[in-house]
């Protein structure tokens, strides 16, 4: 498994996360226009942001949104996708 890490001060756009791979958005990092393919894993850590993501089911595990993390810009989580955690989701 390969994990793409978006670290503090980094903005990444147009990411596609392949099946069996992962995305981790760390504090101060911003990921935009993310296409997470079926079987991928997504983590938005406290202080991280993900803007406009598509998360098809079935994800391996869950979309983890830590408290202090932000998922925004009309995220699309279809039936069968699961979003957990105490972070903020905004349209």
N, C-alpha and C. Protein backbone atom coordinates (compact mmCIF):
# COMPACT_ATOMS: atom_id res chain seq x y z
N UNK A 1 0.84 -1.19 0.00
CA UNK A 1 0.00 0.00 0.00
C UNK A 1 0.88 1.25 0.00
N UNK A 2 0.55 2.17 -0.86
CA UNK A 2 1.23 3.46 -0.93
C UNK A 2 0.29 4.52 -0.36
N UNK A 3 0.80 5.36 0.52
CA UNK A 3 -0.01 6.43 1.10
C UNK A 3 0.53 7.77 0.63
N UNK A 4 -0.34 8.57 0.01
CA UNK A 4 0.01 9.93 -0.37
C UNK A 4 -0.20 10.80 0.86
N UNK A 5 0.84 11.53 1.26
CA UNK A 5 0.75 12.39 2.44
C UNK A 5 0.79 13.85 2.00
N UNK A 6 -0.24 14.60 2.39
CA UNK A 6 -0.28 16.04 2.13
C UNK A 6 0.06 16.70 3.46
N UNK A 7 1.26 17.25 3.55
CA UNK A 7 1.76 17.76 4.83
C UNK A 7 1.49 19.25 4.98
N UNK A 8 1.85 19.79 6.11
CA UNK A 8 1.60 21.19 6.45
C UNK A 8 2.18 22.12 5.39
N UNK A 9 1.37 23.08 4.96
CA UNK A 9 1.81 24.07 3.99
C UNK A 9 1.72 23.62 2.55
N UNK A 10 1.27 22.38 2.32
CA UNK A 10 1.19 21.83 0.97
C UNK A 10 -0.27 21.81 0.51
N UNK A 11 -0.51 22.22 -0.73
CA UNK A 11 -1.82 22.09 -1.36
C UNK A 11 -1.65 21.19 -2.58
N UNK A 12 -2.39 20.08 -2.61
CA UNK A 12 -2.33 19.15 -3.73
C UNK A 12 -3.69 19.12 -4.40
N UNK A 13 -3.70 19.18 -5.73
CA UNK A 13 -4.95 19.22 -6.48
C UNK A 13 -4.99 18.11 -7.51
N UNK A 14 -6.20 17.59 -7.76
CA UNK A 14 -6.38 16.60 -8.80
C UNK A 14 -5.81 15.24 -8.46
N UNK A 15 -5.87 14.86 -7.20
CA UNK A 15 -5.32 13.58 -6.77
C UNK A 15 -6.28 12.43 -7.07
N UNK A 16 -5.75 11.33 -7.58
CA UNK A 16 -6.49 10.09 -7.69
C UNK A 16 -5.81 9.07 -6.80
N UNK A 17 -6.55 8.52 -5.86
CA UNK A 17 -6.01 7.53 -4.93
C UNK A 17 -6.46 6.16 -5.40
N UNK A 18 -5.49 5.36 -5.83
CA UNK A 18 -5.78 4.05 -6.42
C UNK A 18 -6.31 3.07 -5.38
N UNK A 19 -6.96 2.02 -5.87
CA UNK A 19 -7.42 0.94 -5.02
C UNK A 19 -6.26 0.39 -4.21
N UNK A 20 -6.48 0.14 -2.94
CA UNK A 20 -5.50 -0.40 -1.99
C UNK A 20 -4.45 0.62 -1.57
N UNK A 21 -4.56 1.86 -2.02
CA UNK A 21 -3.66 2.92 -1.59
C UNK A 21 -4.39 3.86 -0.64
N UNK A 22 -3.69 4.87 -0.13
CA UNK A 22 -4.31 5.75 0.85
C UNK A 22 -3.91 7.20 0.68
N UNK A 23 -4.68 8.06 1.33
CA UNK A 23 -4.41 9.49 1.37
C UNK A 23 -4.48 9.93 2.82
N UNK A 24 -3.47 10.67 3.26
CA UNK A 24 -3.48 11.25 4.60
C UNK A 24 -3.23 12.75 4.46
N UNK A 25 -4.20 13.54 4.93
CA UNK A 25 -4.07 15.00 4.91
C UNK A 25 -3.73 15.43 6.33
N UNK A 26 -2.51 15.93 6.50
CA UNK A 26 -2.03 16.30 7.83
C UNK A 26 -2.40 17.74 8.17
N UNK A 27 -2.19 18.12 9.42
CA UNK A 27 -2.50 19.47 9.88
C UNK A 27 -1.80 20.51 9.01
N UNK A 28 -2.58 21.47 8.50
CA UNK A 28 -2.03 22.52 7.65
C UNK A 28 -1.97 22.14 6.19
N UNK A 29 -2.30 20.91 5.86
CA UNK A 29 -2.31 20.47 4.46
C UNK A 29 -3.70 20.59 3.86
N UNK A 30 -3.76 20.78 2.53
CA UNK A 30 -5.04 20.89 1.82
C UNK A 30 -4.99 19.98 0.60
N UNK A 31 -5.96 19.09 0.47
CA UNK A 31 -6.11 18.26 -0.72
C UNK A 31 -7.37 18.71 -1.44
N UNK A 32 -7.28 18.91 -2.76
CA UNK A 32 -8.41 19.41 -3.54
C UNK A 32 -8.72 18.45 -4.69
N UNK A 33 -10.01 18.34 -5.02
CA UNK A 33 -10.46 17.54 -6.16
C UNK A 33 -9.90 16.12 -6.10
N UNK A 34 -10.22 15.44 -5.02
CA UNK A 34 -9.71 14.08 -4.79
C UNK A 34 -10.70 13.06 -5.32
N UNK A 35 -10.19 12.08 -6.06
CA UNK A 35 -10.99 10.95 -6.52
C UNK A 35 -10.42 9.71 -5.83
N UNK A 36 -11.10 9.25 -4.80
CA UNK A 36 -10.64 8.08 -4.05
C UNK A 36 -11.34 6.85 -4.61
N UNK A 37 -10.57 5.99 -5.27
CA UNK A 37 -11.15 4.82 -5.91
C UNK A 37 -11.53 3.76 -4.88
N UNK A 38 -12.44 2.88 -5.28
CA UNK A 38 -12.92 1.83 -4.40
C UNK A 38 -11.75 1.03 -3.84
N UNK A 39 -11.74 0.83 -2.53
CA UNK A 39 -10.68 0.09 -1.88
C UNK A 39 -9.59 0.97 -1.29
N UNK A 40 -9.66 2.27 -1.53
CA UNK A 40 -8.65 3.18 -0.97
C UNK A 40 -9.06 3.62 0.44
N UNK A 41 -8.10 4.18 1.16
CA UNK A 41 -8.36 4.65 2.52
C UNK A 41 -8.01 6.13 2.62
N UNK A 42 -8.86 6.89 3.29
CA UNK A 42 -8.68 8.34 3.38
C UNK A 42 -8.69 8.76 4.84
N UNK A 43 -7.69 9.55 5.24
CA UNK A 43 -7.62 10.11 6.60
C UNK A 43 -7.46 11.62 6.49
N UNK A 44 -8.31 12.35 7.20
CA UNK A 44 -8.17 13.80 7.30
C UNK A 44 -7.87 14.08 8.77
N UNK A 45 -6.62 14.38 9.06
CA UNK A 45 -6.21 14.56 10.44
C UNK A 45 -6.60 15.95 10.94
N UNK A 46 -6.56 16.14 12.24
CA UNK A 46 -6.91 17.42 12.84
C UNK A 46 -6.09 18.54 12.21
N UNK A 47 -6.78 19.56 11.71
CA UNK A 47 -6.11 20.69 11.06
C UNK A 47 -5.93 20.51 9.57
N UNK A 48 -6.25 19.32 9.05
CA UNK A 48 -6.17 19.08 7.61
C UNK A 48 -7.48 19.41 6.93
N UNK A 49 -7.44 19.68 5.61
CA UNK A 49 -8.65 19.99 4.85
C UNK A 49 -8.69 19.18 3.57
N UNK A 50 -9.89 18.72 3.22
CA UNK A 50 -10.10 18.09 1.93
C UNK A 50 -11.27 18.79 1.26
N UNK A 51 -11.04 19.29 0.05
CA UNK A 51 -12.05 20.06 -0.67
C UNK A 51 -12.48 19.27 -1.91
N UNK A 52 -13.77 19.05 -2.05
CA UNK A 52 -14.37 18.37 -3.20
C UNK A 52 -13.76 17.00 -3.44
N UNK A 53 -14.21 16.05 -2.63
CA UNK A 53 -13.76 14.67 -2.80
C UNK A 53 -14.89 13.77 -3.23
N UNK A 54 -14.55 12.70 -3.95
CA UNK A 54 -15.50 11.67 -4.33
C UNK A 54 -15.02 10.36 -3.73
N UNK A 55 -15.88 9.72 -2.96
CA UNK A 55 -15.49 8.53 -2.21
C UNK A 55 -16.46 7.39 -2.50
N UNK A 56 -16.16 6.55 -3.48
CA UNK A 56 -17.09 5.48 -3.81
C UNK A 56 -16.98 4.31 -2.83
N UNK A 57 -18.08 3.59 -2.62
CA UNK A 57 -18.01 2.38 -1.81
C UNK A 57 -17.48 1.23 -2.66
N UNK A 58 -17.03 0.14 -2.09
CA UNK A 58 -16.79 0.03 -0.66
C UNK A 58 -15.35 0.41 -0.33
N UNK A 59 -15.18 1.38 0.53
CA UNK A 59 -13.84 1.74 0.96
C UNK A 59 -13.31 0.67 1.91
N UNK A 60 -12.03 0.41 1.83
CA UNK A 60 -11.40 -0.50 2.78
C UNK A 60 -11.25 0.28 4.08
N UNK A 61 -12.01 -0.08 5.07
CA UNK A 61 -12.02 0.71 6.30
C UNK A 61 -13.02 1.84 6.16
N UNK A 62 -12.61 3.05 6.48
CA UNK A 62 -13.53 4.16 6.53
C UNK A 62 -12.83 5.43 6.10
N UNK A 63 -13.62 6.46 5.86
CA UNK A 63 -13.07 7.80 5.72
C UNK A 63 -12.96 8.35 7.14
N UNK A 64 -11.75 8.56 7.60
CA UNK A 64 -11.53 9.04 8.96
C UNK A 64 -11.37 10.55 8.94
N UNK A 65 -12.26 11.23 9.64
CA UNK A 65 -12.22 12.68 9.74
C UNK A 65 -12.05 13.04 11.21
N UNK A 66 -10.81 13.36 11.60
CA UNK A 66 -10.53 13.66 13.00
C UNK A 66 -11.16 14.98 13.43
N UNK A 67 -11.46 15.11 14.74
CA UNK A 67 -11.89 16.41 15.25
C UNK A 67 -10.87 17.48 14.86
N UNK A 68 -11.35 18.58 14.32
CA UNK A 68 -10.45 19.63 13.84
C UNK A 68 -10.13 19.50 12.36
N UNK A 69 -10.49 18.36 11.77
CA UNK A 69 -10.34 18.21 10.32
C UNK A 69 -11.56 18.78 9.61
N UNK A 70 -11.42 19.09 8.33
CA UNK A 70 -12.50 19.72 7.58
C UNK A 70 -12.66 19.06 6.22
N UNK A 71 -13.87 18.60 5.93
CA UNK A 71 -14.25 18.05 4.63
C UNK A 71 -15.31 18.98 4.07
N UNK A 72 -15.04 19.63 2.94
CA UNK A 72 -15.96 20.66 2.46
C UNK A 72 -15.98 20.73 0.94
N UNK A 73 -16.88 21.61 0.42
CA UNK A 73 -16.99 21.79 -1.02
C UNK A 73 -17.85 20.73 -1.67
N UNK A 74 -18.99 20.39 -1.06
CA UNK A 74 -19.93 19.43 -1.62
C UNK A 74 -19.30 18.04 -1.78
N UNK A 75 -18.80 17.46 -0.70
CA UNK A 75 -18.24 16.11 -0.79
C UNK A 75 -19.33 15.11 -1.15
N UNK A 76 -18.98 14.12 -1.92
CA UNK A 76 -19.94 13.11 -2.35
C UNK A 76 -19.55 11.77 -1.75
N UNK A 77 -20.36 11.30 -0.82
CA UNK A 77 -20.14 9.99 -0.21
C UNK A 77 -21.38 9.14 -0.51
N UNK A 78 -21.30 8.26 -1.51
CA UNK A 78 -22.48 7.49 -1.91
C UNK A 78 -22.89 6.47 -0.86
N UNK A 79 -24.07 5.89 -1.06
CA UNK A 79 -24.54 4.83 -0.19
C UNK A 79 -23.49 3.73 -0.14
N UNK A 80 -23.19 3.27 1.06
CA UNK A 80 -22.17 2.24 1.21
C UNK A 80 -20.83 2.81 1.64
N UNK A 81 -20.63 4.12 1.41
CA UNK A 81 -19.43 4.78 1.92
C UNK A 81 -19.68 5.15 3.38
N UNK A 82 -18.63 5.23 4.15
CA UNK A 82 -18.80 5.52 5.57
C UNK A 82 -17.86 6.63 6.00
N UNK A 83 -18.41 7.60 6.68
CA UNK A 83 -17.65 8.74 7.17
C UNK A 83 -17.73 8.74 8.69
N UNK A 84 -16.57 8.66 9.35
CA UNK A 84 -16.59 8.61 10.81
C UNK A 84 -15.68 9.67 11.40
N UNK A 85 -15.89 9.99 12.66
CA UNK A 85 -15.03 10.94 13.35
C UNK A 85 -15.81 12.17 13.75
N UNK A 86 -15.11 13.09 14.41
CA UNK A 86 -15.77 14.27 14.94
C UNK A 86 -15.40 15.54 14.21
N UNK A 87 -14.89 15.42 13.00
CA UNK A 87 -14.52 16.61 12.24
C UNK A 87 -15.73 17.30 11.64
N UNK A 88 -15.49 18.35 10.90
CA UNK A 88 -16.55 19.18 10.34
C UNK A 88 -16.76 18.87 8.87
N UNK A 89 -18.03 18.69 8.49
CA UNK A 89 -18.40 18.51 7.08
C UNK A 89 -19.25 19.70 6.69
N UNK A 90 -18.84 20.41 5.63
CA UNK A 90 -19.59 21.57 5.15
C UNK A 90 -19.92 21.38 3.68
N UNK A 91 -21.12 21.88 3.29
CA UNK A 91 -21.52 21.80 1.89
C UNK A 91 -20.79 22.83 1.10
